Amino acid sequence: MDEFLHQIEESLADFRHQLEPLAAGVIRTAEISDDGKQVDTTEARVLWLKRQIAQYEAIAVKLRAERRKA
């Protein structure tokens, strides 16, 4: 259980590290569409990271609560 919590916390740190420059507008992400045009995907990536952070934080809270019970 402790190792899994550690992995979750590492992932959270990584997601936050990725989110910071994207949310601040320092960097942008893009992909090439089927027709060869470059499409900005920054906002979608920001939303994805925020969802991941929320989900992982919820998991971490549950794991910490279970650890305290034990």
Protein backbone atom coordinates (compact mmCIF):
# COMPACT_ATOMS: atom_id res chain seq x y z
CA MET A 1 0.00 0.00 0.00
CA ASP A 2 2.82 2.41 0.88
CA GLU A 3 4.57 1.79 -2.43
CA PHE A 4 1.36 2.47 -4.36
CA LEU A 5 0.81 5.72 -2.44
CA HIS A 6 4.40 6.70 -3.21
CA GLN A 7 3.80 6.07 -6.93
CA ILE A 8 0.60 8.15 -6.83
CA GLU A 9 2.44 11.03 -5.14
CA GLU A 10 5.24 10.86 -7.73
CA SER A 11 2.68 10.95 -10.53
CA LEU A 12 0.96 13.93 -8.91
CA ALA A 13 4.25 15.81 -8.77
CA ASP A 14 4.89 15.00 -12.44
CA PHE A 15 1.38 16.10 -13.52
CA ARG A 16 1.74 19.38 -11.60
CA HIS A 17 5.17 19.95 -13.14
CA GLN A 18 3.68 19.46 -16.62
CA LEU A 19 0.64 21.63 -15.88
CA GLU A 20 2.45 24.70 -14.58
CA PRO A 21 4.05 25.97 -17.82
CA LEU A 22 1.01 25.00 -19.90
CA ALA A 23 -1.45 26.82 -17.63
CA ALA A 24 0.83 29.85 -17.48
CA GLY A 25 1.04 29.99 -21.28
CA VAL A 26 4.81 29.49 -21.23
CA ILE A 27 4.60 26.48 -23.52
CA ARG A 28 1.96 25.15 -25.89
CA THR A 29 1.21 21.72 -27.28
CA ALA A 30 0.06 20.84 -30.76
CA GLU A 31 -0.54 17.94 -33.07
CA ILE A 32 -0.76 17.52 -36.80
CA SER A 33 -4.29 16.82 -38.03
CA ASP A 34 -5.16 14.38 -40.80
CA ASP A 35 -5.11 17.21 -43.33
CA GLY A 36 -1.56 18.18 -42.30
CA LYS A 37 -2.46 21.31 -40.35
CA GLN A 38 -1.05 21.98 -36.92
CA VAL A 39 -3.76 22.08 -34.25
CA ASP A 40 -3.23 23.66 -30.81
CA THR A 41 -3.96 21.05 -28.14
CA THR A 42 -2.82 23.05 -25.12
CA GLU A 43 -6.24 23.57 -23.56
CA ALA A 44 -7.15 19.91 -23.97
CA ARG A 45 -3.85 18.92 -22.32
CA VAL A 46 -4.45 21.36 -19.44
CA LEU A 47 -7.92 19.89 -18.86
CA TRP A 48 -6.58 16.34 -19.03
CA LEU A 49 -3.86 17.11 -16.50
CA LYS A 50 -6.33 18.79 -14.15
CA ARG A 51 -8.60 15.73 -14.31
CA GLN A 52 -5.67 13.42 -13.65
CA ILE A 53 -4.56 15.50 -10.69
CA ALA A 54 -8.06 15.46 -9.20
CA GLN A 55 -8.37 11.70 -9.64
CA TYR A 56 -4.93 10.95 -8.22
CA GLU A 57 -5.50 13.30 -5.29
CA ALA A 58 -8.73 11.47 -4.47
CA ILE A 59 -6.89 8.14 -4.56
CA ALA A 60 -4.13 9.51 -2.34
CA VAL A 61 -6.65 10.78 0.21
CA LYS A 62 -8.28 7.34 0.40
CA LEU A 63 -4.94 5.56 0.70
CA ARG A 64 -3.78 7.89 3.47
CA ALA A 65 -7.05 7.39 5.34
CA GLU A 66 -6.72 3.61 5.09
CA ARG A 67 -3.13 3.79 6.25
CA ARG A 68 -4.20 5.76 9.35
CA LYS A 69 -6.83 3.12 10.14
CA ALA A 70 -4.26 0.33 10.07
